PDB file of N, CA and C in Angstrom:
ATOM      1  N   MET A   1      13.742  12.387  -8.086  1.00  0.00           N
ATOM      2  CA  MET A   1      13.925  11.043  -8.346  1.00  0.00           C
ATOM      3  C   MET A   1      13.240  10.247  -7.252  1.00  0.00           C
ATOM      4  N   ALA A   2      12.541   9.144  -7.591  1.00  0.00           N
ATOM      5  CA  ALA A   2      11.887   8.301  -6.623  1.00  0.00           C
ATOM      6  C   ALA A   2      12.938   7.586  -5.783  1.00  0.00           C
ATOM      7  N   THR A   3      12.565   7.370  -4.470  1.00  0.00           N
ATOM      8  CA  THR A   3      13.506   6.628  -3.607  1.00  0.00           C
ATOM      9  C   THR A   3      12.746   5.395  -3.035  1.00  0.00           C
ATOM     10  N   GLU A   4      13.569   4.428  -2.731  1.00  0.00           N
ATOM     11  CA  GLU A   4      13.037   3.273  -2.141  1.00  0.00           C
ATOM     12  C   GLU A   4      13.212   3.278  -0.613  1.00  0.00           C
ATOM     13  N   ILE A   5      12.268   2.950   0.109  1.00  0.00           N
ATOM     14  CA  ILE A   5      12.386   2.922   1.546  1.00  0.00           C
ATOM     15  C   ILE A   5      12.804   1.561   1.990  1.00  0.00           C
ATOM     16  N   SER A   6      13.763   1.469   2.838  1.00  0.00           N
ATOM     17  CA  SER A   6      14.323   0.216   3.214  1.00  0.00           C
ATOM     18  C   SER A   6      13.387  -0.607   4.126  1.00  0.00           C
ATOM     19  N   GLU A   7      13.557  -1.956   4.119  1.00  0.00           N
ATOM     20  CA  GLU A   7      12.711  -2.902   4.816  1.00  0.00           C
ATOM     21  C   GLU A   7      12.504  -2.595   6.241  1.00  0.00           C
ATOM     22  N   GLY A   8      13.623  -2.184   6.990  1.00  0.00           N
ATOM     23  CA  GLY A   8      13.553  -1.898   8.457  1.00  0.00           C
ATOM     24  C   GLY A   8      12.706  -0.706   8.766  1.00  0.00           C
ATOM     25  N   ASP A   9      12.303   0.086   7.716  1.00  0.00           N
ATOM     26  CA  ASP A   9      11.650   1.340   8.003  1.00  0.00           C
ATOM     27  C   ASP A   9      10.059   1.193   7.839  1.00  0.00           C
ATOM     28  N   TYR A  10       9.571  -0.015   7.671  1.00  0.00           N
ATOM     29  CA  TYR A  10       8.152  -0.175   7.540  1.00  0.00           C
ATOM     30  C   TYR A  10       7.721  -1.496   8.100  1.00  0.00           C
ATOM     31  N   ARG A  11       6.427  -1.623   8.426  1.00  0.00           N
ATOM     32  CA  ARG A  11       5.846  -2.862   8.896  1.00  0.00           C
ATOM     33  C   ARG A  11       4.889  -3.394   7.781  1.00  0.00           C
ATOM     34  N   VAL A  12       4.730  -4.680   7.793  1.00  0.00           N
ATOM     35  CA  VAL A  12       3.938  -5.390   6.812  1.00  0.00           C
ATOM     36  C   VAL A  12       2.751  -5.918   7.570  1.00  0.00           C
ATOM     37  N   ILE A  13       1.517  -5.633   6.938  1.00  0.00           N
ATOM     38  CA  ILE A  13       0.174  -6.204   7.328  1.00  0.00           C
ATOM     39  C   ILE A  13      -0.388  -6.881   6.152  1.00  0.00           C
ATOM     40  N   VAL A  14      -0.740  -8.160   6.339  1.00  0.00           N
ATOM     41  CA  VAL A  14      -1.368  -8.870   5.305  1.00  0.00           C
ATOM     42  C   VAL A  14      -2.875  -8.929   5.699  1.00  0.00           C
ATOM     43  N   LEU A  15      -3.746  -8.292   4.977  1.00  0.00           N
ATOM     44  CA  LEU A  15      -5.162  -8.207   5.214  1.00  0.00           C
ATOM     45  C   LEU A  15      -5.793  -9.531   4.824  1.00  0.00           C
ATOM     46  N   ASN A  16      -6.715  -9.983   5.657  1.00  0.00           N
ATOM     47  CA  ASN A  16      -7.517 -11.206   5.368  1.00  0.00           C
ATOM     48  C   ASN A  16      -6.627 -12.397   4.889  1.00  0.00           C
ATOM     49  N   PRO A  17      -5.835 -12.885   5.868  1.00  0.00           N
ATOM     50  CA  PRO A  17      -4.940 -13.969   5.506  1.00  0.00           C
ATOM     51  C   PRO A  17      -5.717 -15.232   5.058  1.00  0.00           C
ATOM     52  N   SER A  18      -7.000 -15.333   5.432  1.00  0.00           N
ATOM     53  CA  SER A  18      -7.864 -16.520   5.096  1.00  0.00           C
ATOM     54  C   SER A  18      -8.234 -16.464   3.601  1.00  0.00           C
ATOM     55  N   ALA A  19      -7.998 -15.295   2.890  1.00  0.00           N
ATOM     56  CA  ALA A  19      -8.348 -15.171   1.506  1.00  0.00           C
ATOM     57  C   ALA A  19      -7.374 -15.777   0.591  1.00  0.00           C
ATOM     58  N   LYS A  20      -6.371 -16.527   1.102  1.00  0.00           N
ATOM     59  CA  LYS A  20      -5.317 -17.135   0.379  1.00  0.00           C
ATOM     60  C   LYS A  20      -5.929 -17.966  -0.789  1.00  0.00           C
ATOM     61  N   GLY A  21      -5.420 -17.757  -2.020  1.00  0.00           N
ATOM     62  CA  GLY A  21      -5.997 -18.397  -3.180  1.00  0.00           C
ATOM     63  C   GLY A  21      -7.024 -17.660  -3.878  1.00  0.00           C
ATOM     64  N   ARG A  22      -7.738 -16.823  -3.186  1.00  0.00           N
ATOM     65  CA  ARG A  22      -8.836 -16.049  -3.902  1.00  0.00           C
ATOM     66  C   ARG A  22      -8.296 -14.690  -4.292  1.00  0.00           C
ATOM     67  N   LEU A  23      -7.433 -14.095  -3.636  1.00  0.00           N
ATOM     68  CA  LEU A  23      -6.829 -12.809  -3.980  1.00  0.00           C
ATOM     69  C   LEU A  23      -5.341 -12.871  -3.754  1.00  0.00           C
ATOM     70  N   ALA A  24      -4.518 -12.559  -4.698  1.00  0.00           N
ATOM     71  CA  ALA A  24      -3.133 -12.633  -4.498  1.00  0.00           C
ATOM     72  C   ALA A  24      -2.583 -11.887  -3.256  1.00  0.00           C
ATOM     73  N   LYS A  25      -1.612 -12.502  -2.615  1.00  0.00           N
ATOM     74  CA  LYS A  25      -1.102 -11.881  -1.327  1.00  0.00           C
ATOM     75  C   LYS A  25      -0.653 -10.521  -1.514  1.00  0.00           C
ATOM     76  N   HIS A  26       0.045 -10.178  -2.628  1.00  0.00           N
ATOM     77  CA  HIS A  26       0.565  -8.725  -2.735  1.00  0.00           C
ATOM     78  C   HIS A  26      -0.605  -7.759  -2.805  1.00  0.00           C
ATOM     79  N   LYS A  27      -1.732  -8.157  -3.323  1.00  0.00           N
ATOM     80  CA  LYS A  27      -2.943  -7.275  -3.369  1.00  0.00           C
ATOM     81  C   LYS A  27      -3.544  -7.063  -2.000  1.00  0.00           C
ATOM     82  N   ARG A  28      -3.248  -8.016  -1.079  1.00  0.00           N
ATOM     83  CA  ARG A  28      -3.794  -7.926   0.321  1.00  0.00           C
ATOM     84  C   ARG A  28      -2.725  -7.382   1.299  1.00  0.00           C
ATOM     85  N   THR A  29      -1.586  -7.120   0.818  1.00  0.00           N
ATOM     86  CA  THR A  29      -0.410  -6.706   1.714  1.00  0.00           C
ATOM     87  C   THR A  29      -0.415  -5.164   1.743  1.00  0.00           C
ATOM     88  N   VAL A  30      -0.307  -4.647   2.910  1.00  0.00           N
ATOM     89  CA  VAL A  30      -0.260  -3.186   3.107  1.00  0.00           C
ATOM     90  C   VAL A  30       0.987  -2.921   3.974  1.00  0.00           C
ATOM     91  N   LEU A  31       1.720  -1.942   3.567  1.00  0.00           N
ATOM     92  CA  LEU A  31       2.941  -1.559   4.295  1.00  0.00           C
ATOM     93  C   LEU A  31       2.744  -0.202   4.971  1.00  0.00           C
ATOM     94  N   VAL A  32       3.246  -0.016   6.127  1.00  0.00           N
ATOM     95  CA  VAL A  32       3.102   1.192   6.916  1.00  0.00           C
ATOM     96  C   VAL A  32       4.407   1.629   7.411  1.00  0.00           C
ATOM     97  N   ASP A  33       4.805   2.931   7.140  1.00  0.00           N
ATOM     98  CA  ASP A  33       6.083   3.425   7.661  1.00  0.00           C
ATOM     99  C   ASP A  33       5.977   4.010   9.041  1.00  0.00           C
ATOM    100  N   HIS A  34       7.000   4.561   9.556  1.00  0.00           N
ATOM    101  CA  HIS A  34       7.017   5.118  10.965  1.00  0.00           C
ATOM    102  C   HIS A  34       6.122   6.299  11.092  1.00  0.00           C
ATOM    103  N   GLN A  35       5.751   6.967  10.033  1.00  0.00           N
ATOM    104  CA  GLN A  35       4.885   8.158  10.064  1.00  0.00           C
ATOM    105  C   GLN A  35       3.358   7.723   9.899  1.00  0.00           C
ATOM    106  N   ASN A  36       3.131   6.436   9.849  1.00  0.00           N
ATOM    107  CA  ASN A  36       1.887   5.861   9.532  1.00  0.00           C
ATOM    108  C   ASN A  36       1.448   6.215   8.053  1.00  0.00           C
ATOM    109  N   THR A  37       2.334   6.298   7.195  1.00  0.00           N
ATOM    110  CA  THR A  37       1.894   6.471   5.807  1.00  0.00           C
ATOM    111  C   THR A  37       1.612   5.031   5.354  1.00  0.00           C
ATOM    112  N   ILE A  38       0.560   4.854   4.666  1.00  0.00           N
ATOM    113  CA  ILE A  38       0.098   3.594   4.170  1.00  0.00           C
ATOM    114  C   ILE A  38       0.479   3.387   2.716  1.00  0.00           C
ATOM    115  N   TYR A  39       1.099   2.292   2.415  1.00  0.00           N
ATOM    116  CA  TYR A  39       1.498   2.023   0.969  1.00  0.00           C
ATOM    117  C   TYR A  39       0.784   0.784   0.501  1.00  0.00           C
ATOM    118  N   LEU A  40       0.242   0.845  -0.711  1.00  0.00           N
ATOM    119  CA  LEU A  40      -0.536  -0.254  -1.285  1.00  0.00           C
ATOM    120  C   LEU A  40       0.116  -0.738  -2.636  1.00  0.00           C
ATOM    121  N   SER A  41      -0.244  -1.859  -3.061  1.00  0.00           N
ATOM    122  CA  SER A  41       0.171  -2.439  -4.287  1.00  0.00           C
ATOM    123  C   SER A  41      -0.348  -1.577  -5.458  1.00  0.00           C
ATOM    124  N   PRO A  42       0.334  -1.412  -6.508  1.00  0.00           N
ATOM    125  CA  PRO A  42      -0.230  -0.657  -7.613  1.00  0.00           C
ATOM    126  C   PRO A  42      -1.441  -1.316  -8.218  1.00  0.00           C
ATOM    127  N   ALA A  43      -1.578  -2.610  -7.995  1.00  0.00           N
ATOM    128  CA  ALA A  43      -2.654  -3.365  -8.561  1.00  0.00           C
ATOM    129  C   ALA A  43      -4.031  -2.892  -8.097  1.00  0.00           C
ATOM    130  N   VAL A  44      -4.023  -2.253  -6.871  1.00  0.00           N
ATOM    131  CA  VAL A  44      -5.338  -1.795  -6.307  1.00  0.00           C
ATOM    132  C   VAL A  44      -5.846  -0.523  -6.968  1.00  0.00           C
ATOM    133  N   ALA A  45      -4.922   0.176  -7.775  1.00  0.00           N
ATOM    134  CA  ALA A  45      -5.286   1.378  -8.464  1.00  0.00           C
ATOM    135  C   ALA A  45      -5.569   1.124  -9.921  1.00  0.00           C
ATOM    136  N   GLY A  46      -5.470  -0.122 -10.344  1.00  0.00           N
ATOM    137  CA  GLY A  46      -5.753  -0.349 -11.812  1.00  0.00           C
ATOM    138  C   GLY A  46      -4.645  -1.130 -12.415  1.00  0.00           C
ATOM    139  N   ASP A  47      -4.252  -0.899 -13.581  1.00  0.00           N
ATOM    140  CA  ASP A  47      -3.195  -1.528 -14.263  1.00  0.00           C
ATOM    141  C   ASP A  47      -1.809  -1.224 -13.609  1.00  0.00           C
ATOM    142  N   SER A  48      -1.172  -2.324 -13.108  1.00  0.00           N
ATOM    143  CA  SER A  48       0.112  -2.111 -12.327  1.00  0.00           C
ATOM    144  C   SER A  48       1.066  -1.329 -13.177  1.00  0.00           C
ATOM    145  N   GLN A  49       1.283  -1.646 -14.414  1.00  0.00           N
ATOM    146  CA  GLN A  49       2.332  -1.039 -15.265  1.00  0.00           C
ATOM    147  C   GLN A  49       2.017   0.440 -15.446  1.00  0.00           C
ATOM    148  N   THR A  50       0.795   0.771 -15.598  1.00  0.00           N
ATOM    149  CA  THR A  50       0.404   2.184 -15.748  1.00  0.00           C
ATOM    150  C   THR A  50       0.664   2.927 -14.529  1.00  0.00           C
ATOM    151  N   VAL A  51       0.338   2.379 -13.357  1.00  0.00           N
ATOM    152  CA  VAL A  51       0.540   2.970 -12.045  1.00  0.00           C
ATOM    153  C   VAL A  51       2.144   3.220 -11.812  1.00  0.00           C
ATOM    154  N   ILE A  52       2.898   2.145 -12.144  1.00  0.00           N
ATOM    155  CA  ILE A  52       4.348   2.255 -12.014  1.00  0.00           C
ATOM    156  C   ILE A  52       4.938   3.350 -12.885  1.00  0.00           C
ATOM    157  N   LEU A  53       4.530   3.407 -14.101  1.00  0.00           N
ATOM    158  CA  LEU A  53       4.982   4.401 -15.034  1.00  0.00           C
ATOM    159  C   LEU A  53       4.580   5.858 -14.517  1.00  0.00           C
ATOM    160  N   CYS A  54       3.377   5.984 -14.013  1.00  0.00           N
ATOM    161  CA  CYS A  54       2.952   7.264 -13.552  1.00  0.00           C
ATOM    162  C   CYS A  54       3.803   7.684 -12.316  1.00  0.00           C
ATOM    163  N   ALA A  55       4.055   6.723 -11.434  1.00  0.00           N
ATOM    164  CA  ALA A  55       4.849   6.993 -10.201  1.00  0.00           C
ATOM    165  C   ALA A  55       6.326   7.431 -10.655  1.00  0.00           C
ATOM    166  N   LEU A  56       6.874   6.713 -11.676  1.00  0.00           N
ATOM    167  CA  LEU A  56       8.120   7.148 -12.137  1.00  0.00           C
ATOM    168  C   LEU A  56       8.162   8.584 -12.588  1.00  0.00           C
ATOM    169  N   ALA A  57       7.128   8.883 -13.450  1.00  0.00           N
ATOM    170  CA  ALA A  57       6.991  10.230 -14.042  1.00  0.00           C
ATOM    171  C   ALA A  57       6.869  11.236 -12.955  1.00  0.00           C
ATOM    172  N   ASP A  58       6.218  11.023 -11.871  1.00  0.00           N
ATOM    173  CA  ASP A  58       5.899  11.882 -10.835  1.00  0.00           C
ATOM    174  C   ASP A  58       6.950  11.864  -9.674  1.00  0.00           C
ATOM    175  N   ALA A  59       7.974  11.002  -9.904  1.00  0.00           N
ATOM    176  CA  ALA A  59       9.098  10.847  -8.909  1.00  0.00           C
ATOM    177  C   ALA A  59       8.593  10.494  -7.518  1.00  0.00           C
ATOM    178  N   ILE A  60       7.640   9.566  -7.450  1.00  0.00           N
ATOM    179  CA  ILE A  60       7.064   9.118  -6.171  1.00  0.00           C
ATOM    180  C   ILE A  60       7.952   8.149  -5.462  1.00  0.00           C
ATOM    181  N   SER A  61       8.232   8.344  -4.202  1.00  0.00           N
ATOM    182  CA  SER A  61       8.928   7.431  -3.373  1.00  0.00           C
ATOM    183  C   SER A  61       8.032   6.152  -3.168  1.00  0.00           C
ATOM    184  N   PHE A  62       8.680   5.039  -3.020  1.00  0.00           N
ATOM    185  CA  PHE A  62       7.972   3.779  -2.892  1.00  0.00           C
ATOM    186  C   PHE A  62       8.630   2.826  -1.965  1.00  0.00           C
ATOM    187  N   VAL A  63       7.878   1.841  -1.531  1.00  0.00           N
ATOM    188  CA  VAL A  63       8.511   0.732  -0.726  1.00  0.00           C
ATOM    189  C   VAL A  63       8.481  -0.545  -1.592  1.00  0.00           C
ATOM    190  N   GLN A  64       9.599  -1.198  -1.539  1.00  0.00           N
ATOM    191  CA  GLN A  64       9.648  -2.457  -2.223  1.00  0.00           C
ATOM    192  C   GLN A  64       9.644  -3.530  -1.165  1.00  0.00           C
ATOM    193  N   HIS A  65       8.721  -4.536  -1.394  1.00  0.00           N
ATOM    194  CA  HIS A  65       8.588  -5.646  -0.428  1.00  0.00           C
ATOM    195  C   HIS A  65       8.402  -6.902  -1.321  1.00  0.00           C
ATOM    196  N   GLU A  66       9.260  -7.920  -1.029  1.00  0.00           N
ATOM    197  CA  GLU A  66       9.229  -9.177  -1.726  1.00  0.00           C
ATOM    198  C   GLU A  66       9.276  -8.929  -3.279  1.00  0.00           C
ATOM    199  N   GLY A  67      10.116  -8.000  -3.655  1.00  0.00           N
ATOM    200  CA  GLY A  67      10.267  -7.670  -5.097  1.00  0.00           C
ATOM    201  C   GLY A  67       9.157  -6.889  -5.772  1.00  0.00           C
ATOM    202  N   ARG A  68       8.169  -6.433  -4.999  1.00  0.00           N
ATOM    203  CA  ARG A  68       7.088  -5.631  -5.591  1.00  0.00           C
ATOM    204  C   ARG A  68       7.055  -4.223  -4.968  1.00  0.00           C
ATOM    205  N   PRO A  69       6.725  -3.231  -5.830  1.00  0.00           N
ATOM    206  CA  PRO A  69       6.588  -1.871  -5.327  1.00  0.00           C
ATOM    207  C   PRO A  69       5.271  -1.623  -4.614  1.00  0.00           C
ATOM    208  N   TYR A  70       5.303  -0.760  -3.672  1.00  0.00           N
ATOM    209  CA  TYR A  70       4.080  -0.294  -2.990  1.00  0.00           C
ATOM    210  C   TYR A  70       4.166   1.195  -2.892  1.00  0.00           C
ATOM    211  N   TYR A  71       2.960   1.937  -3.196  1.00  0.00           N
ATOM    212  CA  TYR A  71       2.984   3.289  -3.342  1.00  0.00           C
ATOM    213  C   TYR A  71       2.060   3.958  -2.286  1.00  0.00           C
ATOM    214  N   PRO A  72       2.435   5.244  -1.836  1.00  0.00           N
ATOM    215  CA  PRO A  72       1.612   5.831  -0.784  1.00  0.00           C
ATOM    216  C   PRO A  72       0.184   6.138  -1.268  1.00  0.00           C
ATOM    217  N   THR A  73      -0.750   5.933  -0.313  1.00  0.00           N
ATOM    218  CA  THR A  73      -2.158   6.075  -0.593  1.00  0.00           C
ATOM    219  C   THR A  73      -2.477   7.503  -0.969  1.00  0.00           C
ATOM    220  N   ASN A  74      -1.835   8.490  -0.433  1.00  0.00           N
ATOM    221  CA  ASN A  74      -2.191   9.883  -0.746  1.00  0.00           C
ATOM    222  C   ASN A  74      -1.924  10.133  -2.238  1.00  0.00           C
ATOM    223  N   TRP A  75      -0.779   9.629  -2.760  1.00  0.00           N
ATOM    224  CA  TRP A  75      -0.547   9.735  -4.143  1.00  0.00           C
ATOM    225  C   TRP A  75      -1.511   8.857  -5.032  1.00  0.00           C
ATOM    226  N   LEU A  76      -1.797   7.634  -4.537  1.00  0.00           N
ATOM    227  CA  LEU A  76      -2.728   6.812  -5.307  1.00  0.00           C
ATOM    228  C   LEU A  76      -4.119   7.487  -5.440  1.00  0.00           C
ATOM    229  N   LEU A  77      -4.560   8.054  -4.363  1.00  0.00           N
ATOM    230  CA  LEU A  77      -5.872   8.762  -4.343  1.00  0.00           C
ATOM    231  C   LEU A  77      -5.942   9.900  -5.302  1.00  0.00           C
ATOM    232  N   GLU A  78      -4.849  10.681  -5.244  1.00  0.00           N
ATOM    233  CA  GLU A  78      -4.712  11.903  -6.108  1.00  0.00           C
ATOM    234  C   GLU A  78      -4.636  11.465  -7.608  1.00  0.00           C
ATOM    235  N   SER A  79      -3.917  10.469  -7.878  1.00  0.00           N
ATOM    236  CA  SER A  79      -3.596  10.105  -9.251  1.00  0.00           C
ATOM    237  C   SER A  79      -4.625   9.124  -9.884  1.00  0.00           C
ATOM    238  N   PHE A  80      -5.350   8.384  -9.094  1.00  0.00           N
ATOM    239  CA  PHE A  80      -6.260   7.401  -9.515  1.00  0.00           C
ATOM    240  C   PHE A  80      -7.638   7.498  -8.794  1.00  0.00           C
ATOM    241  N   PRO A  81      -8.273   8.690  -8.938  1.00  0.00           N
ATOM    242  CA  PRO A  81      -9.494   8.908  -8.176  1.00  0.00           C
ATOM    243  C   PRO A  81     -10.611   7.879  -8.426  1.00  0.00           C
ATOM    244  N   SER A  82     -10.568   7.228  -9.574  1.00  0.00           N
ATOM    245  CA  SER A  82     -11.683   6.190  -9.878  1.00  0.00           C
ATOM    246  C   SER A  82     -11.535   5.027  -8.860  1.00  0.00           C
ATOM    247  N   GLN A  83     -10.413   4.849  -8.235  1.00  0.00           N
ATOM    248  CA  GLN A  83     -10.213   3.782  -7.220  1.00  0.00           C
ATOM    249  C   GLN A  83     -10.282   4.226  -5.798  1.00  0.00           C
ATOM    250  N   LYS A  84     -10.903   5.389  -5.607  1.00  0.00           N
ATOM    251  CA  LYS A  84     -10.978   5.982  -4.263  1.00  0.00           C
ATOM    252  C   LYS A  84     -11.615   5.024  -3.246  1.00  0.00           C
ATOM    253  N   ASP A  85     -12.696   4.394  -3.621  1.00  0.00           N
ATOM    254  CA  ASP A  85     -13.436   3.529  -2.673  1.00  0.00           C
ATOM    255  C   ASP A  85     -12.550   2.396  -2.157  1.00  0.00           C
ATOM    256  N   VAL A  86     -11.861   1.749  -3.103  1.00  0.00           N
ATOM    257  CA  VAL A  86     -10.936   0.610  -2.734  1.00  0.00           C
ATOM    258  C   VAL A  86      -9.769   1.074  -1.908  1.00  0.00           C
ATOM    259  N   ILE A  87      -9.105   2.127  -2.296  1.00  0.00           N
ATOM    260  CA  ILE A  87      -8.011   2.698  -1.630  1.00  0.00           C
ATOM    261  C   ILE A  87      -8.386   3.080  -0.148  1.00  0.00           C
ATOM    262  N   GLU A  88      -9.496   3.810  -0.092  1.00  0.00           N
ATOM    263  CA  GLU A  88      -9.996   4.300   1.264  1.00  0.00           C
ATOM    264  C   GLU A  88     -10.342   3.113   2.118  1.00  0.00           C
ATOM    265  N   HIS A  89     -10.963   2.080   1.544  1.00  0.00           N
ATOM    266  CA  HIS A  89     -11.414   0.869   2.316  1.00  0.00           C
ATOM    267  C   HIS A  89     -10.200   0.177   2.884  1.00  0.00           C
ATOM    268  N   LEU A  90      -9.247  -0.082   2.066  1.00  0.00           N
ATOM    269  CA  LEU A  90      -8.021  -0.748   2.457  1.00  0.00           C
ATOM    270  C   LEU A  90      -7.255   0.064   3.599  1.00  0.00           C
ATOM    271  N   SER A  91      -7.286   1.420   3.378  1.00  0.00           N
ATOM    272  CA  SER A  91      -6.636   2.318   4.368  1.00  0.00           C
ATOM    273  C   SER A  91      -7.367   2.267   5.773  1.00  0.00           C
ATOM    274  N   ALA A  92      -8.701   2.255   5.663  1.00  0.00           N
ATOM    275  CA  ALA A  92      -9.446   2.272   6.890  1.00  0.00           C
ATOM    276  C   ALA A  92      -9.276   0.919   7.663  1.00  0.00           C
ATOM    277  N   ILE A  93      -9.261  -0.228   6.943  1.00  0.00           N
ATOM    278  CA  ILE A  93      -8.974  -1.400   7.627  1.00  0.00           C
ATOM    279  C   ILE A  93      -7.644  -1.406   8.292  1.00  0.00           C
ATOM    280  N   THR A  94      -6.611  -0.918   7.643  1.00  0.00           N
ATOM    281  CA  THR A  94      -5.217  -0.919   8.080  1.00  0.00           C
ATOM    282  C   THR A  94      -5.172  -0.031   9.363  1.00  0.00           C
ATOM    283  N   LEU A  95      -5.834   1.199   9.278  1.00  0.00           N
ATOM    284  CA  LEU A  95      -5.787   2.090  10.450  1.00  0.00           C
ATOM    285  C   LEU A  95      -6.565   1.475  11.681  1.00  0.00           C
ATOM    286  N   ARG A  96      -7.624   0.689  11.396  1.00  0.00           N
ATOM    287  CA  ARG A  96      -8.377   0.007  12.488  1.00  0.00           C
ATOM    288  C   ARG A  96      -7.396  -1.086  13.135  1.00  0.00           C
ATOM    289  N   ILE A  97      -6.708  -1.850  12.308  1.00  0.00           N
ATOM    290  CA  ILE A  97      -5.808  -2.850  12.810  1.00  0.00           C
ATOM    291  C   ILE A  97      -4.695  -2.205  13.733  1.00  0.00           C
ATOM    292  N   ILE A  98      -4.125  -1.133  13.217  1.00  0.00           N
ATOM    293  CA  ILE A  98      -3.128  -0.418  13.990  1.00  0.00           C
ATOM    294  C   ILE A  98      -3.633   0.145  15.300  1.00  0.00           C
ATOM    295  N   ALA A  99      -4.882   0.683  15.265  1.00  0.00           N
ATOM    296  CA  ALA A  99      -5.530   1.260  16.478  1.00  0.00           C
ATOM    297  C   ALA A  99      -5.711   0.098  17.449  1.00  0.00           C
ATOM    298  N   GLU A 100      -6.204  -1.039  16.995  1.00  0.00           N
ATOM    299  CA  GLU A 100      -6.491  -2.216  17.848  1.00  0.00           C
ATOM    300  C   GLU A 100      -5.242  -2.672  18.537  1.00  0.00           C
ATOM    301  N   GLU A 101      -4.137  -2.778  17.716  1.00  0.00           N
ATOM    302  CA  GLU A 101      -2.819  -3.217  18.245  1.00  0.00           C
ATOM    303  C   GLU A 101      -2.349  -2.283  19.307  1.00  0.00           C
ATOM    304  N   ASN A 102      -2.515  -0.952  19.023  1.00  0.00           N
ATOM    305  CA  ASN A 102      -1.978   0.046  20.040  1.00  0.00           C
ATOM    306  C   ASN A 102      -2.858   0.066  21.341  1.00  0.00           C
ATOM    307  N   ALA A 103      -4.064  -0.287  21.110  1.00  0.00           N
ATOM    308  CA  ALA A 103      -4.941  -0.357  22.340  1.00  0.00           C
ATOM    309  C   ALA A 103      -4.651  -1.447  23.205  1.00  0.00           C
ATOM    310  N   SER A 104      -4.258  -2.576  22.610  1.00  0.00           N
ATOM    311  CA  SER A 104      -3.926  -3.846  23.417  1.00  0.00           C
ATOM    312  C   SER A 104      -2.500  -3.899  23.920  1.00  0.00           C
ATOM    313  N   SER A 105      -1.689  -2.850  23.569  1.00  0.00           N
ATOM    314  CA  SER A 105      -0.299  -2.921  24.043  1.00  0.00           C
ATOM    315  C   SER A 105      -0.034  -1.924  25.128  1.00  0.00           C
TER     316      SER A 105
END
């Protein structure tokens, strides 16, 4: 059965805040847990409903933020390889932000 990770167990990163109005916030929002697992909106992998149904069928754990589910990138890459470039790009940006924050602290 899929489990929901509670809000205190992850951090929220909104990519490109200046893109407000051009791309929905939930599509630019990335969640990262304490193990640095990156979670993305199902919209980045295609049709959100299809992604959600596949996640339920696969019993994939997810994070819910502001009423929306976010799924781990490793599962998204495996299940939706046609979106590999987008998923890897968002993951790389997120890891760069985390590395920069760690270097400055």
